[in-house]
C-alpha atoms as a PDB file:
ATOM      1  CA  PRO A   1      -0.201  -0.071  -0.273  1.00  0.00           C
ATOM      2  CA  GLY A   2       2.737   2.613   1.025  1.00  0.00           C
ATOM      3  CA  GLY A   3       4.593   2.215  -2.503  1.00  0.00           C
ATOM      4  CA  GLN A   4       1.106   2.560  -4.260  1.00  0.00           C
ATOM      5  CA  ALA A   5       0.829   6.075  -2.673  1.00  0.00           C
ATOM      6  CA  GLY A   6       4.165   7.118  -3.797  1.00  0.00           C
ATOM      7  CA  VAL A   7       3.180   6.233  -7.576  1.00  0.00           C
ATOM      8  CA  TRP A   8      -0.314   7.976  -6.961  1.00  0.00           C
ATOM      9  CA  GLU A   9       1.831  11.331  -5.459  1.00  0.00           C
ATOM     10  CA  LYS A  10       4.438  10.732  -9.161  1.00  0.00           C
ATOM     11  CA  MET A  11       1.040  11.306 -11.219  1.00  0.00           C
ATOM     12  CA  MET A  12      -0.423  14.070  -9.291  1.00  0.00           C
ATOM     13  CA  VAL A  13      -0.609  17.236 -10.937  1.00  0.00           C
ATOM     14  CA  TYR A  14      -0.983  20.464  -8.799  1.00  0.00           C
ATOM     15  CA  GLY A  15      -1.519  24.289 -10.081  1.00  0.00           C
ATOM     16  CA  ALA A  16      -1.746  27.955  -9.226  1.00  0.00           C
ATOM     17  CA  VAL A  17      -2.817  30.762 -10.702  1.00  0.00           C
ATOM     18  CA  LEU A  18      -1.958  34.157 -10.793  1.00  0.00           C
ATOM     19  CA  LYS A  19      -4.335  37.053 -11.634  1.00  0.00           C
ATOM     20  CA  LYS A  20      -4.619  39.404  -8.822  1.00  0.00           C
ATOM     21  CA  GLY A  21      -2.205  41.540  -6.714  1.00  0.00           C
ATOM     22  CA  GLU A  22       0.341  42.301  -8.851  1.00  0.00           C
ATOM     23  CA  ARG A  23       0.308  45.174 -11.573  1.00  0.00           C
ATOM     24  CA  TYR A  24       2.115  42.937 -14.306  1.00  0.00           C
ATOM     25  CA  TYR A  25       2.162  39.340 -15.074  1.00  0.00           C
ATOM     26  CA  SER A  26       4.601  37.212 -15.864  1.00  0.00           C
ATOM     27  CA  TYR A  27       7.606  38.300 -15.006  1.00  0.00           C
ATOM     28  CA  LEU A  28      10.316  35.022 -14.438  1.00  0.00           C
ATOM     29  CA  GLY A  29      12.431  36.653 -12.076  1.00  0.00           C
ATOM     30  CA  LYS A  30       9.474  36.810  -9.475  1.00  0.00           C
ATOM     31  CA  VAL A  31       8.243  33.233 -11.004  1.00  0.00           C
ATOM     32  CA  PHE A  32      11.964  31.642 -10.406  1.00  0.00           C
ATOM     33  CA  ALA A  33      12.023  33.299  -6.879  1.00  0.00           C
ATOM     34  CA  ALA A  34       8.829  31.903  -5.921  1.00  0.00           C
ATOM     35  CA  ILE A  35       9.435  28.095  -6.838  1.00  0.00           C
ATOM     36  CA  GLY A  36      13.179  28.533  -5.362  1.00  0.00           C
ATOM     37  CA  ASN A  37      15.003  29.096  -8.619  1.00  0.00           C
ATOM     38  CA  ALA A  38      14.100  25.456  -9.311  1.00  0.00           C
ATOM     39  CA  GLN A  39      14.451  26.197 -13.199  1.00  0.00           C
ATOM     40  CA  ARG A  40      18.172  25.347 -12.956  1.00  0.00           C
ATOM     41  CA  ASN A  41      16.938  21.746 -12.635  1.00  0.00           C
ATOM     42  CA  TYR A  42      15.253  21.283 -16.066  1.00  0.00           C
ATOM     43  CA  ASN A  43      15.616  21.853 -19.960  1.00  0.00           C
ATOM     44  CA  TRP A  44      13.138  24.265 -21.292  1.00  0.00           C
ATOM     45  CA  LEU A  45      10.953  23.965 -24.134  1.00  0.00           C
ATOM     46  CA  ILE A  46       9.913  27.393 -24.817  1.00  0.00           C
ATOM     47  CA  SER A  47       6.731  27.278 -26.932  1.00  0.00           C
ATOM     48  CA  TYR A  48       4.837  30.424 -29.040  1.00  0.00           C
ATOM     49  CA  PRO A  49       6.648  32.990 -26.684  1.00  0.00           C
ATOM     50  CA  ASP A  50       5.472  36.697 -27.120  1.00  0.00           C
ATOM     51  CA  CYS A  51       7.240  38.892 -25.080  1.00  0.00           C
ATOM     52  CA  PHE A  52       9.404  41.544 -26.152  1.00  0.00           C
ATOM     53  CA  PRO A  53      12.834  41.949 -24.635  1.00  0.00           C
ATOM     54  CA  ALA A  54      15.275  44.735 -25.845  1.00  0.00           C
ATOM     55  CA  THR A  55      18.211  42.307 -26.353  1.00  0.00           C
ATOM     56  CA  PRO A  56      18.831  41.114 -29.714  1.00  0.00           C
ATOM     57  CA  GLU A  57      19.767  37.976 -29.391  1.00  0.00           C
ATOM     58  CA  PHE A  58      17.018  36.856 -26.827  1.00  0.00           C
ATOM     59  CA  ARG A  59      14.481  39.018 -29.367  1.00  0.00           C
ATOM     60  CA  GLU A  60      16.026  36.545 -32.471  1.00  0.00           C
ATOM     61  CA  LEU A  61      15.696  33.601 -30.153  1.00  0.00           C
ATOM     62  CA  LEU A  62      12.077  34.103 -29.129  1.00  0.00           C
ATOM     63  CA  ALA A  63      10.710  35.169 -32.411  1.00  0.00           C
ATOM     64  CA  ARG A  64      10.848  31.178 -33.022  1.00  0.00           C
ATOM     65  CA  LYS A  65       7.779  29.317 -32.606  1.00  0.00           C
ATOM     66  CA  HIS A  66       9.815  27.495 -30.169  1.00  0.00           C
ATOM     67  CA  CYS A  67      13.136  26.887 -28.825  1.00  0.00           C
ATOM     68  CA  TRP A  68      15.194  24.914 -26.054  1.00  0.00           C
ATOM     69  CA  LEU A  69      17.094  25.967 -23.129  1.00  0.00           C
ATOM     70  CA  THR A  70      18.939  24.592 -20.422  1.00  0.00           C
ATOM     71  CA  GLY A  71      17.699  25.959 -17.101  1.00  0.00           C
ATOM     72  CA  GLU A  72      21.068  27.988 -16.634  1.00  0.00           C
ATOM     73  CA  GLU A  73      20.943  29.464 -20.050  1.00  0.00           C
ATOM     74  CA  LEU A  74      17.170  30.815 -19.250  1.00  0.00           C
ATOM     75  CA  THR A  75      18.139  31.809 -15.581  1.00  0.00           C
ATOM     76  CA  GLU A  76      20.966  33.593 -17.180  1.00  0.00           C
ATOM     77  CA  MET A  77      18.871  35.564 -19.890  1.00  0.00           C
ATOM     78  CA  ILE A  78      15.944  36.371 -17.225  1.00  0.00           C
ATOM     79  CA  ARG A  79      18.966  37.312 -15.202  1.00  0.00           C
ATOM     80  CA  GLN A  80      20.359  39.605 -18.149  1.00  0.00           C
ATOM     81  CA  GLU A  81      17.098  40.871 -18.417  1.00  0.00           C
ATOM     82  CA  ASP A  82      13.465  40.491 -16.942  1.00  0.00           C
ATOM     83  CA  PHE A  83      11.385  41.364 -19.812  1.00  0.00           C
ATOM     84  CA  GLN A  84       7.494  40.525 -19.428  1.00  0.00           C
ATOM     85  CA  TRP A  85       5.566  37.611 -21.202  1.00  0.00           C
ATOM     86  CA  VAL A  86       2.439  38.384 -22.946  1.00  0.00           C
ATOM     87  CA  TRP A  87       1.744  34.524 -23.939  1.00  0.00           C
ATOM     88  CA  GLY A  88       3.848  31.591 -23.638  1.00  0.00           C
ATOM     89  CA  VAL A  89       4.532  28.578 -22.168  1.00  0.00           C
ATOM     90  CA  LEU A  90       7.384  27.353 -20.488  1.00  0.00           C
ATOM     91  CA  SER A  91       7.820  23.516 -19.876  1.00  0.00           C
ATOM     92  CA  GLY A  92      10.617  22.308 -18.258  1.00  0.00           C
ATOM     93  CA  PHE A  93      11.780  18.713 -18.460  1.00  0.00           C
ATOM     94  CA  ALA A  94      14.323  16.729 -16.777  1.00  0.00           C
ATOM     95  CA  LYS A  95      17.764  17.150 -17.790  1.00  0.00           C
ATOM     96  CA  ASP A  96      17.792  13.418 -18.959  1.00  0.00           C
ATOM     97  CA  ILE A  97      14.745  14.204 -21.358  1.00  0.00           C
ATOM     98  CA  SER A  98      16.144  14.920 -24.656  1.00  0.00           C
ATOM     99  CA  TRP A  99      14.858  17.793 -27.564  1.00  0.00           C
ATOM    100  CA  GLU A 100      14.259  14.781 -29.624  1.00  0.00           C
ATOM    101  CA  LYS A 101      12.141  12.824 -27.086  1.00  0.00           C
ATOM    102  CA  VAL A 102      10.220  16.234 -26.609  1.00  0.00           C
ATOM    103  CA  MET A 103       9.091  16.771 -30.048  1.00  0.00           C
ATOM    104  CA  GLU A 104       7.664  13.668 -30.643  1.00  0.00           C
ATOM    105  CA  TYR A 105       4.600  15.194 -28.727  1.00  0.00           C
ATOM    106  CA  PRO A 106       2.276  18.371 -30.070  1.00  0.00           C
ATOM    107  CA  VAL A 107       4.175  21.400 -28.872  1.00  0.00           C
ATOM    108  CA  PRO A 108       2.016  23.066 -26.048  1.00  0.00           C
ATOM    109  CA  ASP A 109       0.007  26.357 -26.452  1.00  0.00           C
ATOM    110  CA  ALA A 110      -1.255  28.715 -23.895  1.00  0.00           C
ATOM    111  CA  ASP A 111      -4.415  29.240 -26.080  1.00  0.00           C
ATOM    112  CA  SER A 112      -4.807  25.235 -25.015  1.00  0.00           C
ATOM    113  CA  PRO A 113      -7.747  24.510 -23.083  1.00  0.00           C
ATOM    114  CA  GLY A 114      -6.112  22.317 -20.883  1.00  0.00           C
ATOM    115  CA  PHE A 115      -5.258  24.114 -18.695  1.00  0.00           C
ATOM    116  CA  TRP A 116      -8.561  24.592 -17.476  1.00  0.00           C
ATOM    117  CA  ARG A 117      -9.095  21.321 -17.182  1.00  0.00           C
ATOM    118  CA  TYR A 118      -9.998  19.405 -13.611  1.00  0.00           C
ATOM    119  CA  PRO A 119      -8.114  17.038 -12.646  1.00  0.00           C
ATOM    120  CA  LEU A 120      -4.946  19.165 -13.719  1.00  0.00           C
ATOM    121  CA  VAL A 121      -2.517  18.297 -16.618  1.00  0.00           C
ATOM    122  CA  LEU A 122       0.552  19.311 -17.955  1.00  0.00           C
ATOM    123  CA  GLU A 123       0.367  20.428 -21.464  1.00  0.00           C
ATOM    124  CA  HIS A 124       3.504  18.222 -22.310  1.00  0.00           C
ATOM    125  CA  PRO A 125       3.188  14.790 -21.400  1.00  0.00           C
ATOM    126  CA  LEU A 126       6.869  14.246 -20.385  1.00  0.00           C
ATOM    127  CA  ALA A 127       6.989  17.841 -18.601  1.00  0.00           C
ATOM    128  CA  SER A 128       7.506  17.994 -14.980  1.00  0.00           C
ATOM    129  CA  LEU A 129       6.695  21.560 -14.832  1.00  0.00           C
ATOM    130  CA  GLU A 130       5.351  24.584 -16.717  1.00  0.00           C
ATOM    131  CA  ILE A 131       4.747  28.067 -16.877  1.00  0.00           C
ATOM    132  CA  ALA A 132       2.164  29.700 -18.792  1.00  0.00           C
ATOM    133  CA  ALA A 133       1.744  33.529 -19.827  1.00  0.00           C
ATOM    134  CA  PHE A 134      -1.791  34.224 -20.323  1.00  0.00           C
ATOM    135  CA  ASP A 135      -2.475  37.232 -22.230  1.00  0.00           C
ATOM    136  CA  SER A 136      -0.490  39.514 -19.985  1.00  0.00           C
ATOM    137  CA  SER A 137      -3.424  38.888 -17.470  1.00  0.00           C
ATOM    138  CA  MET A 138      -2.210  36.003 -15.460  1.00  0.00           C
ATOM    139  CA  THR A 139       0.411  33.567 -14.947  1.00  0.00           C
ATOM    140  CA  LEU A 140      -0.018  29.923 -14.380  1.00  0.00           C
ATOM    141  CA  LEU A 141       2.268  27.375 -12.747  1.00  0.00           C
ATOM    142  CA  VAL A 142       1.127  23.640 -13.182  1.00  0.00           C
ATOM    143  CA  SER A 143       3.658  21.017 -11.606  1.00  0.00           C
ATOM    144  CA  ARG A 144       4.333  17.342 -10.656  1.00  0.00           C
ATOM    145  CA  GLU A 145       5.709  18.661  -7.300  1.00  0.00           C
ATOM    146  CA  LYS A 146       3.687  20.381  -4.748  1.00  0.00           C
ATOM    147  CA  LYS A 147       6.622  22.229  -3.384  1.00  0.00           C
ATOM    148  CA  HIS A 148       6.689  24.122  -6.534  1.00  0.00           C
ATOM    149  CA  VAL A 149       3.241  25.172  -6.310  1.00  0.00           C
ATOM    150  CA  ASP A 150       3.402  25.803  -2.231  1.00  0.00           C
ATOM    151  CA  GLY A 151       6.366  28.114  -2.707  1.00  0.00           C
ATOM    152  CA  PHE A 152       4.415  30.001  -5.767  1.00  0.00           C
ATOM    153  CA  ARG A 153       1.513  29.909  -3.663  1.00  0.00           C
ATOM    154  CA  THR A 154       3.043  31.608  -0.707  1.00  0.00           C
ATOM    155  CA  PHE A 155       5.529  34.235  -2.199  1.00  0.00           C
ATOM    156  CA  PHE A 156       2.112  35.365  -4.569  1.00  0.00           C
ATOM    157  CA  SER A 157      -0.362  35.671  -1.456  1.00  0.00           C
ATOM    158  CA  LEU A 158      -3.254  36.246  -3.797  1.00  0.00           C
ATOM    159  CA  SER A 159      -2.755  33.541  -6.441  1.00  0.00           C
ATOM    160  CA  GLY A 160      -5.365  30.475  -6.405  1.00  0.00           C
ATOM    161  CA  ASP A 161      -5.157  27.126  -6.794  1.00  0.00           C
ATOM    162  CA  LEU A 162      -5.950  26.518 -10.351  1.00  0.00           C
ATOM    163  CA  ALA A 163      -7.491  22.803  -9.408  1.00  0.00           C
ATOM    164  CA  GLU A 164      -9.968  24.376  -7.367  1.00  0.00           C
ATOM    165  CA  GLU A 165     -10.752  27.229  -9.820  1.00  0.00           C
ATOM    166  CA  ASN A 166     -11.493  24.440 -12.458  1.00  0.00           C
ATOM    167  CA  GLU A 167     -13.185  21.800 -10.654  1.00  0.00           C
ATOM    168  CA  ALA A 168     -15.612  24.853  -9.240  1.00  0.00           C
ATOM    169  CA  TYR A 169     -15.895  25.842 -12.801  1.00  0.00           C
ATOM    170  CA  GLN A 170     -16.513  22.106 -13.908  1.00  0.00           C
ATOM    171  CA  LYS A 171     -19.371  21.591 -11.474  1.00  0.00           C
ATOM    172  CA  ASN A 172     -21.136  25.459 -11.798  1.00  0.00           C
ATOM    173  CA  CYS A 173     -21.056  25.133 -15.706  1.00  0.00           C
ATOM    174  CA  VAL A 174     -24.238  25.854 -17.313  1.00  0.00           C
ATOM    175  CA  LYS A 175     -24.857  23.941 -20.523  1.00  0.00           C
ATOM    176  CA  GLY A 176     -23.490  26.173 -23.465  1.00  0.00           C
ATOM    177  CA  GLY A 177     -21.848  28.542 -21.168  1.00  0.00           C
ATOM    178  CA  THR A 178     -18.168  29.594 -21.691  1.00  0.00           C
ATOM    179  CA  HIS A 179     -14.985  29.959 -19.713  1.00  0.00           C
ATOM    180  CA  TYR A 180     -12.451  32.720 -20.108  1.00  0.00           C
ATOM    181  CA  ALA A 181     -10.025  30.372 -21.717  1.00  0.00           C
ATOM    182  CA  ASP A 182     -13.109  29.016 -23.989  1.00  0.00           C
END
């Protein structure tokens, strides 16, 4: 029985939504601080970024539909210039998962209705952690590790539990109604 609980916990996905209390949303420097700089422990697929860095190298890199960075590269980019992300999904993968393996699956998109599902899922099935910028109006964090979400919720005290929001929406949804993500 104890072993099965451990397996179940590895399958769990936790989430937070930040849409209150900030003047601007989706600045990764604060998000990284909130998760204890755990971004360093992953390789990152950045998909469909819409952001406006002033640094030409960053602007060129993020003009692509998607790109791949190590956690160290992403950390250094944000250390140099912590610009706002309007749209985009940053999917973090264990360092032993290759770019080729990641690209065997559809690339996550912030417009996906998957972020609004209950129970929560990660948009990329191999990801451990995802950060989504949603139209400059909110930041979503979804993770297989509860400590990331707990840190985020503590750091951003007005953030909400994404699973609770999604579950409440599904329970209260009137047939034919819409969700802000529809």
